[in-house]
C-alpha atoms as a PDB file:
ATOM      1  CA  MET A   1       0.973  11.974 -14.867  1.00  0.00           C
ATOM      2  CA  LYS A   2       2.856  12.887 -12.073  1.00  0.00           C
ATOM      3  CA  GLY A   3       3.151  10.651  -9.192  1.00  0.00           C
ATOM      4  CA  VAL A   4       2.996  11.213  -5.387  1.00  0.00           C
ATOM      5  CA  ILE A   5       4.289   8.754  -2.428  1.00  0.00           C
ATOM      6  CA  LEU A   6       2.917  10.223   0.961  1.00  0.00           C
ATOM      7  CA  ALA A   7       5.360   8.736   3.465  1.00  0.00           C
ATOM      8  CA  GLY A   8       4.884  10.294   6.529  1.00  0.00           C
ATOM      9  CA  GLY A   9       3.339   9.667   9.944  1.00  0.00           C
ATOM     10  CA  THR A  10       4.928   8.786  13.236  1.00  0.00           C
ATOM     11  CA  GLY A  11       4.418   5.123  12.845  1.00  0.00           C
ATOM     12  CA  SER A  12       3.056   4.512  16.238  1.00  0.00           C
ATOM     13  CA  ARG A  13       1.238   1.390  15.654  1.00  0.00           C
ATOM     14  CA  LEU A  14       4.735   0.163  14.912  1.00  0.00           C
ATOM     15  CA  MET A  15       6.849   1.112  17.644  1.00  0.00           C
ATOM     16  CA  PRO A  16       9.468   0.362  18.876  1.00  0.00           C
ATOM     17  CA  CYS A  17      10.631  -0.629  14.947  1.00  0.00           C
ATOM     18  CA  THR A  18       9.935   3.199  14.196  1.00  0.00           C
ATOM     19  CA  LYS A  19      11.852   4.928  17.096  1.00  0.00           C
ATOM     20  CA  VAL A  20      14.958   4.724  14.826  1.00  0.00           C
ATOM     21  CA  THR A  21      13.772   5.201  11.461  1.00  0.00           C
ATOM     22  CA  ASN A  22      10.553   5.821   9.399  1.00  0.00           C
ATOM     23  CA  LYS A  23       7.700   2.965   9.116  1.00  0.00           C
ATOM     24  CA  HIS A  24       7.938   3.420   5.247  1.00  0.00           C
ATOM     25  CA  LEU A  25      11.725   2.067   5.541  1.00  0.00           C
ATOM     26  CA  LEU A  26      10.924  -1.126   7.299  1.00  0.00           C
ATOM     27  CA  PRO A  27      11.594  -4.486   5.161  1.00  0.00           C
ATOM     28  CA  VAL A  28       8.618  -6.061   3.389  1.00  0.00           C
ATOM     29  CA  TYR A  29      10.079  -9.273   2.608  1.00  0.00           C
ATOM     30  CA  ASN A  30      13.315  -8.847   0.612  1.00  0.00           C
ATOM     31  CA  LYS A  31      12.967  -4.813   0.022  1.00  0.00           C
ATOM     32  CA  PRO A  32      12.465  -1.506   2.219  1.00  0.00           C
ATOM     33  CA  MET A  33       8.587  -0.944   2.002  1.00  0.00           C
ATOM     34  CA  ILE A  34       8.833   2.347   0.226  1.00  0.00           C
ATOM     35  CA  TYR A  35       9.945   0.102  -2.833  1.00  0.00           C
ATOM     36  CA  HIS A  36       6.854  -1.308  -3.444  1.00  0.00           C
ATOM     37  CA  PRO A  37       4.772   1.898  -3.923  1.00  0.00           C
ATOM     38  CA  LEU A  38       7.593   3.435  -6.075  1.00  0.00           C
ATOM     39  CA  LYS A  39       7.491   0.257  -8.027  1.00  0.00           C
ATOM     40  CA  THR A  40       3.829   0.636  -8.638  1.00  0.00           C
ATOM     41  CA  LEU A  41       4.328   4.344 -10.176  1.00  0.00           C
ATOM     42  CA  ALA A  42       7.541   3.512 -11.955  1.00  0.00           C
ATOM     43  CA  ASP A  43       5.999   0.298 -13.662  1.00  0.00           C
ATOM     44  CA  ALA A  44       3.036   2.218 -14.988  1.00  0.00           C
ATOM     45  CA  GLY A  45       5.331   4.723 -16.670  1.00  0.00           C
ATOM     46  CA  ILE A  46       5.336   7.710 -14.110  1.00  0.00           C
ATOM     47  CA  LYS A  47       8.718   9.032 -14.396  1.00  0.00           C
ATOM     48  CA  GLU A  48       8.438  12.063 -11.729  1.00  0.00           C
ATOM     49  CA  ILE A  49       7.644  10.987  -8.377  1.00  0.00           C
ATOM     50  CA  LEU A  50       7.540  13.238  -5.254  1.00  0.00           C
ATOM     51  CA  ILE A  51       8.105  11.639  -2.175  1.00  0.00           C
ATOM     52  CA  VAL A  52       6.361  13.496   0.931  1.00  0.00           C
ATOM     53  CA  SER A  53       7.820  12.588   4.593  1.00  0.00           C
ATOM     54  CA  GLY A  54       8.140  13.453   8.081  1.00  0.00           C
ATOM     55  CA  PRO A  55      11.052  15.890   9.328  1.00  0.00           C
ATOM     56  CA  GLY A  56      12.266  13.094  11.315  1.00  0.00           C
ATOM     57  CA  HIS A  57      14.071  10.694   8.631  1.00  0.00           C
ATOM     58  CA  ALA A  58      13.695  12.483   5.803  1.00  0.00           C
ATOM     59  CA  GLY A  59      17.470  12.166   5.106  1.00  0.00           C
ATOM     60  CA  HIS A  60      17.308   8.334   5.416  1.00  0.00           C
ATOM     61  CA  PHE A  61      14.782   8.333   2.021  1.00  0.00           C
ATOM     62  CA  VAL A  62      17.474  10.336   0.324  1.00  0.00           C
ATOM     63  CA  ASN A  63      20.183   8.188   1.233  1.00  0.00           C
ATOM     64  CA  LEU A  64      18.267   5.118   0.114  1.00  0.00           C
ATOM     65  CA  LEU A  65      16.524   6.135  -3.056  1.00  0.00           C
ATOM     66  CA  GLY A  66      18.984   9.631  -4.193  1.00  0.00           C
ATOM     67  CA  SER A  67      18.064  10.886  -7.499  1.00  0.00           C
ATOM     68  CA  GLY A  68      15.858   7.490  -8.718  1.00  0.00           C
ATOM     69  CA  ARG A  69      18.309   6.501 -11.320  1.00  0.00           C
ATOM     70  CA  GLU A  70      18.056   2.787  -9.897  1.00  0.00           C
ATOM     71  CA  PHE A  71      14.368   2.989 -10.859  1.00  0.00           C
ATOM     72  CA  ASP A  72      15.026   4.943 -13.981  1.00  0.00           C
ATOM     73  CA  ILE A  73      12.732   7.977 -12.878  1.00  0.00           C
ATOM     74  CA  LYS A  74      13.432  11.489 -11.453  1.00  0.00           C
ATOM     75  CA  LEU A  75      12.604  11.804  -7.638  1.00  0.00           C
ATOM     76  CA  SER A  76      12.049  14.639  -5.322  1.00  0.00           C
ATOM     77  CA  TYR A  77      11.278  15.372  -1.938  1.00  0.00           C
ATOM     78  CA  GLU A  78       9.072  17.369   0.248  1.00  0.00           C
ATOM     79  CA  ILE A  79       8.512  17.690   3.995  1.00  0.00           C
ATOM     80  CA  GLN A  80       5.382  17.628   5.834  1.00  0.00           C
ATOM     81  CA  GLU A  81       6.539  19.400   9.155  1.00  0.00           C
ATOM     82  CA  GLU A  82       3.406  18.405  11.192  1.00  0.00           C
ATOM     83  CA  ALA A  83       0.986  15.449  10.879  1.00  0.00           C
ATOM     84  CA  GLY A  84      -2.449  16.692   9.315  1.00  0.00           C
ATOM     85  CA  GLY A  85      -3.936  14.448   7.218  1.00  0.00           C
ATOM     86  CA  ILE A  86      -3.571  12.448   3.934  1.00  0.00           C
ATOM     87  CA  ALA A  87      -5.160  15.401   2.198  1.00  0.00           C
ATOM     88  CA  GLN A  88      -2.610  18.066   3.747  1.00  0.00           C
ATOM     89  CA  ALA A  89       0.299  16.105   2.834  1.00  0.00           C
ATOM     90  CA  LEU A  90      -0.912  15.777  -0.795  1.00  0.00           C
ATOM     91  CA  GLY A  91      -1.627  19.475  -0.744  1.00  0.00           C
ATOM     92  CA  MET A  92       1.937  19.898  -0.385  1.00  0.00           C
ATOM     93  CA  ALA A  93       2.552  18.362  -3.818  1.00  0.00           C
ATOM     94  CA  GLU A  94       0.761  21.929  -5.969  1.00  0.00           C
ATOM     95  CA  ASN A  95       3.830  23.223  -7.363  1.00  0.00           C
ATOM     96  CA  PHE A  96       5.255  20.185  -8.250  1.00  0.00           C
ATOM     97  CA  VAL A  97       2.048  18.388 -10.015  1.00  0.00           C
ATOM     98  CA  GLY A  98       1.280  21.924 -11.472  1.00  0.00           C
ATOM     99  CA  ASN A  99      -1.198  21.624 -14.042  1.00  0.00           C
ATOM    100  CA  ASP A 100      -0.828  17.962 -14.729  1.00  0.00           C
ATOM    101  CA  SER A 101      -2.624  14.926 -13.460  1.00  0.00           C
ATOM    102  CA  VAL A 102      -1.424  13.118 -10.210  1.00  0.00           C
ATOM    103  CA  ALA A 103      -1.588   9.506  -9.352  1.00  0.00           C
ATOM    104  CA  VAL A 104      -1.250   9.249  -5.421  1.00  0.00           C
ATOM    105  CA  ILE A 105      -0.498   6.195  -3.432  1.00  0.00           C
ATOM    106  CA  LEU A 106       0.270   5.678   0.192  1.00  0.00           C
ATOM    107  CA  GLY A 107       3.633   4.536   1.331  1.00  0.00           C
ATOM    108  CA  ASP A 108       2.562   1.577   3.571  1.00  0.00           C
ATOM    109  CA  ASN A 109       0.306   0.026   0.794  1.00  0.00           C
ATOM    110  CA  ILE A 110       1.521  -2.932  -1.010  1.00  0.00           C
ATOM    111  CA  PHE A 111      -0.587  -3.631  -4.742  1.00  0.00           C
ATOM    112  CA  GLU A 112      -0.042  -6.622  -6.918  1.00  0.00           C
ATOM    113  CA  ASP A 113      -1.618  -4.991  -9.922  1.00  0.00           C
ATOM    114  CA  ASN A 114      -0.208  -3.273 -12.733  1.00  0.00           C
ATOM    115  CA  ILE A 115      -1.883  -0.200 -12.821  1.00  0.00           C
ATOM    116  CA  LYS A 116      -0.766   0.949 -16.186  1.00  0.00           C
ATOM    117  CA  ASP A 117      -4.445   0.090 -17.618  1.00  0.00           C
ATOM    118  CA  TYR A 118      -5.708   2.046 -14.708  1.00  0.00           C
ATOM    119  CA  ILE A 119      -3.803   4.954 -15.745  1.00  0.00           C
ATOM    120  CA  ASP A 120      -5.203   4.758 -19.450  1.00  0.00           C
ATOM    121  CA  GLU A 121      -8.963   4.538 -18.180  1.00  0.00           C
ATOM    122  CA  PHE A 122      -8.396   7.650 -15.848  1.00  0.00           C
ATOM    123  CA  GLU A 123      -6.850   9.711 -18.720  1.00  0.00           C
ATOM    124  CA  ARG A 124      -9.509   8.806 -20.978  1.00  0.00           C
ATOM    125  CA  GLN A 125     -11.749  10.778 -18.168  1.00  0.00           C
ATOM    126  CA  SER A 126     -10.201  13.908 -19.102  1.00  0.00           C
ATOM    127  CA  SER A 127     -11.222  15.076 -15.622  1.00  0.00           C
ATOM    128  CA  GLY A 128     -12.377  14.534 -12.193  1.00  0.00           C
ATOM    129  CA  ALA A 129     -10.941  11.420  -9.717  1.00  0.00           C
ATOM    130  CA  ARG A 130     -10.676   7.621  -9.762  1.00  0.00           C
ATOM    131  CA  ILE A 131     -10.209   5.651  -6.726  1.00  0.00           C
ATOM    132  CA  PHE A 132      -9.422   2.122  -6.208  1.00  0.00           C
ATOM    133  CA  LEU A 133     -11.247  -0.325  -4.106  1.00  0.00           C
ATOM    134  CA  LYS A 134     -11.067  -3.794  -2.765  1.00  0.00           C
ATOM    135  CA  GLU A 135     -13.912  -5.962  -1.162  1.00  0.00           C
ATOM    136  CA  VAL A 136     -13.266  -6.903   2.408  1.00  0.00           C
ATOM    137  CA  GLY A 137     -15.307  -8.321   5.219  1.00  0.00           C
ATOM    138  CA  LEU A 138     -17.533  -5.466   7.257  1.00  0.00           C
ATOM    139  CA  LYS A 139     -15.661  -6.098  10.473  1.00  0.00           C
ATOM    140  CA  ALA A 140     -12.539  -4.840   8.709  1.00  0.00           C
ATOM    141  CA  ALA A 141     -14.534  -2.086   6.599  1.00  0.00           C
ATOM    142  CA  LYS A 142     -14.314   0.111   9.534  1.00  0.00           C
ATOM    143  CA  ARG A 143     -10.710   0.596   9.449  1.00  0.00           C
ATOM    144  CA  PHE A 144     -11.324   2.103   5.946  1.00  0.00           C
ATOM    145  CA  GLY A 145     -12.781   4.535   4.011  1.00  0.00           C
ATOM    146  CA  VAL A 146     -15.656   2.747   2.103  1.00  0.00           C
ATOM    147  CA  ALA A 147     -17.612   3.653  -0.867  1.00  0.00           C
ATOM    148  CA  ILE A 148     -20.855   2.536  -2.607  1.00  0.00           C
ATOM    149  CA  VAL A 149     -20.711   2.282  -6.480  1.00  0.00           C
ATOM    150  CA  ASP A 150     -23.486   3.175  -8.930  1.00  0.00           C
ATOM    151  CA  GLY A 151     -22.946   1.901 -12.436  1.00  0.00           C
ATOM    152  CA  ASN A 152     -19.294   2.979 -13.336  1.00  0.00           C
ATOM    153  CA  ARG A 153     -19.272   5.869 -10.696  1.00  0.00           C
ATOM    154  CA  VAL A 154     -18.966   6.551  -7.240  1.00  0.00           C
ATOM    155  CA  GLY A 155     -22.222   7.428  -5.383  1.00  0.00           C
ATOM    156  CA  TYR A 156     -20.922   7.638  -1.797  1.00  0.00           C
ATOM    157  CA  VAL A 157     -17.652   7.627   0.736  1.00  0.00           C
ATOM    158  CA  GLU A 158     -17.294   7.681   4.212  1.00  0.00           C
ATOM    159  CA  GLU A 159     -14.061   7.734   6.357  1.00  0.00           C
ATOM    160  CA  LYS A 160     -13.912   4.886   8.885  1.00  0.00           C
ATOM    161  CA  PRO A 161     -17.500   4.304   9.515  1.00  0.00           C
ATOM    162  CA  GLN A 162     -18.599   2.512  12.883  1.00  0.00           C
ATOM    163  CA  SER A 163     -21.467   0.750  10.711  1.00  0.00           C
ATOM    164  CA  PRO A 164     -20.110   0.180   7.302  1.00  0.00           C
ATOM    165  CA  ARG A 165     -22.936   0.802   4.402  1.00  0.00           C
ATOM    166  CA  SER A 166     -20.452  -1.321   1.955  1.00  0.00           C
ATOM    167  CA  ASN A 167     -17.427  -3.752   2.003  1.00  0.00           C
ATOM    168  CA  LEU A 168     -16.039  -1.750  -0.627  1.00  0.00           C
ATOM    169  CA  ALA A 169     -12.710   0.036   0.954  1.00  0.00           C
ATOM    170  CA  MET A 170     -10.855   2.177  -0.378  1.00  0.00           C
ATOM    171  CA  THR A 171      -7.051   1.645  -0.888  1.00  0.00           C
ATOM    172  CA  GLY A 172      -3.960   4.015  -0.518  1.00  0.00           C
ATOM    173  CA  LEU A 173      -4.472   4.394  -4.201  1.00  0.00           C
ATOM    174  CA  TYR A 174      -5.982   7.819  -5.885  1.00  0.00           C
ATOM    175  CA  MET A 175      -6.044   9.687  -9.315  1.00  0.00           C
ATOM    176  CA  PHE A 176      -7.067  13.168  -9.624  1.00  0.00           C
ATOM    177  CA  ASP A 177      -6.971  16.362 -12.017  1.00  0.00           C
ATOM    178  CA  SER A 178      -5.067  19.039 -10.805  1.00  0.00           C
ATOM    179  CA  LYS A 179      -8.286  20.697  -9.357  1.00  0.00           C
ATOM    180  CA  ILE A 180      -7.543  18.786  -6.246  1.00  0.00           C
ATOM    181  CA  PHE A 181      -5.248  21.237  -4.914  1.00  0.00           C
ATOM    182  CA  GLU A 182      -8.361  23.979  -5.141  1.00  0.00           C
ATOM    183  CA  ILE A 183     -10.533  21.670  -3.688  1.00  0.00           C
ATOM    184  CA  ILE A 184      -8.107  20.953  -0.551  1.00  0.00           C
ATOM    185  CA  LYS A 185      -7.751  24.784   0.250  1.00  0.00           C
ATOM    186  CA  THR A 186     -11.253  24.574   0.793  1.00  0.00           C
ATOM    187  CA  LEU A 187     -11.265  21.567   3.527  1.00  0.00           C
ATOM    188  CA  LYS A 188     -11.991  22.117   7.276  1.00  0.00           C
ATOM    189  CA  PRO A 189     -10.181  19.939   9.790  1.00  0.00           C
ATOM    190  CA  SER A 190     -12.149  16.578  10.961  1.00  0.00           C
ATOM    191  CA  GLY A 191     -12.685  15.612  14.307  1.00  0.00           C
ATOM    192  CA  ARG A 192      -9.197  13.765  14.276  1.00  0.00           C
ATOM    193  CA  GLY A 193      -7.835  17.627  13.603  1.00  0.00           C
ATOM    194  CA  GLU A 194      -6.696  16.676   9.815  1.00  0.00           C
ATOM    195  CA  LEU A 195      -7.731  17.234   6.512  1.00  0.00           C
ATOM    196  CA  GLU A 196      -9.409  13.837   4.910  1.00  0.00           C
ATOM    197  CA  ILE A 197      -8.273  12.399   1.694  1.00  0.00           C
ATOM    198  CA  THR A 198     -12.439  11.287   1.974  1.00  0.00           C
ATOM    199  CA  ASP A 199     -13.756  14.777   2.181  1.00  0.00           C
ATOM    200  CA  ALA A 200     -11.453  15.839  -0.839  1.00  0.00           C
ATOM    201  CA  ILE A 201     -12.946  12.719  -3.092  1.00  0.00           C
ATOM    202  CA  ASP A 202     -16.380  13.455  -1.477  1.00  0.00           C
ATOM    203  CA  TYR A 203     -16.523  16.570  -3.524  1.00  0.00           C
ATOM    204  CA  TYR A 204     -16.024  14.813  -6.738  1.00  0.00           C
ATOM    205  CA  VAL A 205     -18.455  12.474  -5.904  1.00  0.00           C
ATOM    206  CA  LYS A 206     -21.216  15.124  -4.968  1.00  0.00           C
ATOM    207  CA  ARG A 207     -20.335  16.131  -8.580  1.00  0.00           C
ATOM    208  CA  GLY A 208     -20.546  12.940 -10.590  1.00  0.00           C
ATOM    209  CA  ASN A 209     -17.162  12.887 -11.486  1.00  0.00           C
ATOM    210  CA  CYS A 210     -15.539  10.239  -9.102  1.00  0.00           C
ATOM    211  CA  HIS A 211     -14.872   6.833 -11.503  1.00  0.00           C
ATOM    212  CA  TYR A 212     -13.640   3.553  -9.766  1.00  0.00           C
ATOM    213  CA  ASN A 213     -11.449   0.014 -10.315  1.00  0.00           C
ATOM    214  CA  ILE A 214     -11.858  -3.053  -7.873  1.00  0.00           C
ATOM    215  CA  ILE A 215      -8.512  -4.231  -7.297  1.00  0.00           C
ATOM    216  CA  LYS A 216      -8.169  -7.570  -8.912  1.00  0.00           C
ATOM    217  CA  GLY A 217      -4.657  -8.747  -7.108  1.00  0.00           C
ATOM    218  CA  TYR A 218      -3.651  -8.764  -3.777  1.00  0.00           C
ATOM    219  CA  TRP A 219      -3.726  -5.258  -1.724  1.00  0.00           C
ATOM    220  CA  SER A 220      -2.463  -5.149   1.998  1.00  0.00           C
ATOM    221  CA  ASP A 221      -1.682  -2.058   3.911  1.00  0.00           C
ATOM    222  CA  ALA A 222       1.510  -2.475   6.313  1.00  0.00           C
ATOM    223  CA  GLY A 223       0.787  -0.328   8.903  1.00  0.00           C
ATOM    224  CA  THR A 224       0.646  -2.533  11.850  1.00  0.00           C
ATOM    225  CA  PHE A 225       2.567  -5.516  12.947  1.00  0.00           C
ATOM    226  CA  GLU A 226       0.067  -7.984  11.792  1.00  0.00           C
ATOM    227  CA  SER A 227      -0.385  -6.165   8.181  1.00  0.00           C
ATOM    228  CA  LEU A 228       3.481  -5.865   7.691  1.00  0.00           C
ATOM    229  CA  ASN A 229       3.671  -9.328   8.145  1.00  0.00           C
ATOM    230  CA  ARG A 230       0.925 -10.027   5.989  1.00  0.00           C
ATOM    231  CA  ALA A 231       2.454  -7.984   2.951  1.00  0.00           C
ATOM    232  CA  SER A 232       5.470  -9.463   3.423  1.00  0.00           C
ATOM    233  CA  ASN A 233       3.806 -12.960   2.982  1.00  0.00           C
ATOM    234  CA  LEU A 234       2.279 -11.678  -0.045  1.00  0.00           C
ATOM    235  CA  ALA A 235       5.215 -10.060  -1.610  1.00  0.00           C
ATOM    236  CA  ARG A 236       7.256 -13.465  -1.161  1.00  0.00           C
ATOM    237  CA  LYS A 237       4.618 -15.479  -2.751  1.00  0.00           C
ATOM    238  CA  LYS A 238       5.383 -13.239  -5.984  1.00  0.00           C
ATOM    239  CA  GLU A 239       9.066 -12.847  -5.663  1.00  0.00           C
ATOM    240  CA  VAL A 240      10.513 -15.752  -4.044  1.00  0.00           C
ATOM    241  CA  THR A 241      12.472 -18.008  -6.815  1.00  0.00           C
ATOM    242  CA  GLU A 242      12.721 -21.705  -7.450  1.00  0.00           C
ATOM    243  CA  ASP A 243      16.202 -21.948  -6.042  1.00  0.00           C
ATOM    244  CA  ASP A 244      15.311 -19.585  -3.005  1.00  0.00           C
ATOM    245  CA  TYR A 245      12.337 -22.081  -2.065  1.00  0.00           C
ATOM    246  CA  TRP A 246      13.982 -25.106  -2.394  1.00  0.00           C
ATOM    247  CA  THR A 247      17.455 -23.461  -0.503  1.00  0.00           C
ATOM    248  CA  ASP A 248      14.956 -23.414   2.595  1.00  0.00           C
ATOM    249  CA  THR A 249      13.621 -26.626   1.968  1.00  0.00           C
ATOM    250  CA  TYR A 250      17.076 -28.006   2.225  1.00  0.00           C
ATOM    251  CA  ASP A 251      17.950 -25.778   5.067  1.00  0.00           C
ATOM    252  CA  PHE A 252      14.650 -27.006   7.129  1.00  0.00           C
ATOM    253  CA  ALA A 253      15.349 -30.658   6.097  1.00  0.00           C
ATOM    254  CA  GLU A 254      18.683 -30.420   8.194  1.00  0.00           C
ATOM    255  CA  THR A 255      17.093 -28.326  11.114  1.00  0.00           C
ATOM    256  CA  PHE A 256      13.855 -30.326  11.942  1.00  0.00           C
ATOM    257  CA  LYS A 257      13.716 -34.297  11.946  1.00  0.00           C
ATOM    258  CA  PHE A 258      10.986 -36.252  11.958  1.00  0.00           C
ATOM    259  CA  PRO A 259      10.065 -36.788  15.797  1.00  0.00           C
ATOM    260  CA  SER A 260      11.974 -39.850  17.605  1.00  0.00           C
ATOM    261  CA  ARG A 261      11.005 -42.436  20.476  1.00  0.00           C
ATOM    262  CA  GLU A 262      13.965 -40.278  22.323  1.00  0.00           C
ATOM    263  CA  ASP A 263      12.442 -37.215  22.326  1.00  0.00           C
ATOM    264  CA  ASP A 264      10.601 -35.428  25.126  1.00  0.00           C
ATOM    265  CA  PRO A 265       6.533 -34.489  24.215  1.00  0.00           C
ATOM    266  CA  GLU A 266       7.443 -30.784  23.834  1.00  0.00           C
ATOM    267  CA  THR A 267      10.216 -31.523  21.248  1.00  0.00           C
ATOM    268  CA  VAL A 268       7.679 -34.173  19.587  1.00  0.00           C
ATOM    269  CA  ILE A 269       5.041 -31.192  19.323  1.00  0.00           C
ATOM    270  CA  GLU A 270       7.517 -28.649  17.876  1.00  0.00           C
ATOM    271  CA  LYS A 271       8.569 -30.982  15.152  1.00  0.00           C
ATOM    272  CA  LEU A 272       5.413 -31.995  14.030  1.00  0.00           C
ATOM    273  CA  SER A 273       3.764 -28.716  14.095  1.00  0.00           C
ATOM    274  CA  GLN A 274       7.086 -27.679  11.980  1.00  0.00           C
ATOM    275  CA  LEU A 275       6.438 -30.539   9.762  1.00  0.00           C
ATOM    276  CA  THR A 276       2.986 -29.431   9.217  1.00  0.00           C
ATOM    277  CA  LYS A 277       3.308 -25.781   8.360  1.00  0.00           C
ATOM    278  CA  LYS A 278       6.100 -26.917   6.439  1.00  0.00           C
ATOM    279  CA  GLN A 279       3.701 -29.265   4.347  1.00  0.00           C
ATOM    280  CA  ALA A 280       1.160 -26.486   3.930  1.00  0.00           C
ATOM    281  CA  GLU A 281       3.918 -24.116   2.407  1.00  0.00           C
ATOM    282  CA  ILE A 282       4.734 -26.860  -0.115  1.00  0.00           C
ATOM    283  CA  LEU A 283       1.017 -27.437  -0.934  1.00  0.00           C
ATOM    284  CA  ASP A 284       0.807 -23.749  -1.565  1.00  0.00           C
ATOM    285  CA  TYR A 285       3.345 -23.629  -3.553  1.00  0.00           C
ATOM    286  CA  PHE A 286       2.603 -26.219  -5.951  1.00  0.00           C
ATOM    287  CA  LEU A 287      -0.635 -24.723  -6.387  1.00  0.00           C
ATOM    288  CA  GLN A 288       0.200 -21.592  -7.146  1.00  0.00           C
ATOM    289  CA  LYS A 289       2.858 -22.993  -9.688  1.00  0.00           C
ATOM    290  CA  GLN A 290      -0.136 -24.769 -11.089  1.00  0.00           C
ATOM    291  CA  LYS A 291      -2.271 -21.825 -11.902  1.00  0.00           C
ATOM    292  CA  LYS A 292       0.703 -19.724 -13.423  1.00  0.00           C
ATOM    293  CA  ASP A 293       1.544 -22.828 -15.780  1.00  0.00           C
END
């Protein structure tokens, strides 16, 4: 199986941060965003990965990632000259993928799960597609494609519905057989003027050959300031070390003292709010640690 990371787009929702670089190079906690999907594929044993990016900052990816040796993988690069949708960007990977199957991940999607078992399930299908779903609120579902499932197959998909018929959001992770590239060539632009990946998935759905998994761990996109902050907090919970945590606590103890009589009202409120926030962080830390133990 080959891997493809789609890292194009203008990043307009993250302006002005994206005036000088691609959004996939912004930090998510302690690593550039692109490291997270790259690690998702590499940890699953995928050794050949193509990164598709726009022309503006393509050289930044090469400067950061090089040949992929740091991750024990082989990296290739492709340029999407203009925004034409996820399906169009994936279509540029045809020569790279050849007759192999492909795992596609959006560059701004952060997953906790190791997807090795999902790849094994897909390979047992022998053909078709497999998509990855996560339960969300119906209001949040309007931001994503949604799916209705029937047994172990997907029965219906729809892109960004105004009135979602399901709360199962399609995450930015997909697996396809090599037929996907012929399907993409038959697609017509949507009302947004783009080739939609949901339309390509629908081809498999209508032929009863699209399966699914529901993501168990956390998942977040990072395409807005709020989701970028959420993704950073999720990554921090997973990656922060014991030393990192207590160092932060020592710094906090030096900076924020308990309120005193001499403090003005604004200072009292600020100190108490910081103490309350830190107490919540400590409680969350120990609850998470107990779960792991």
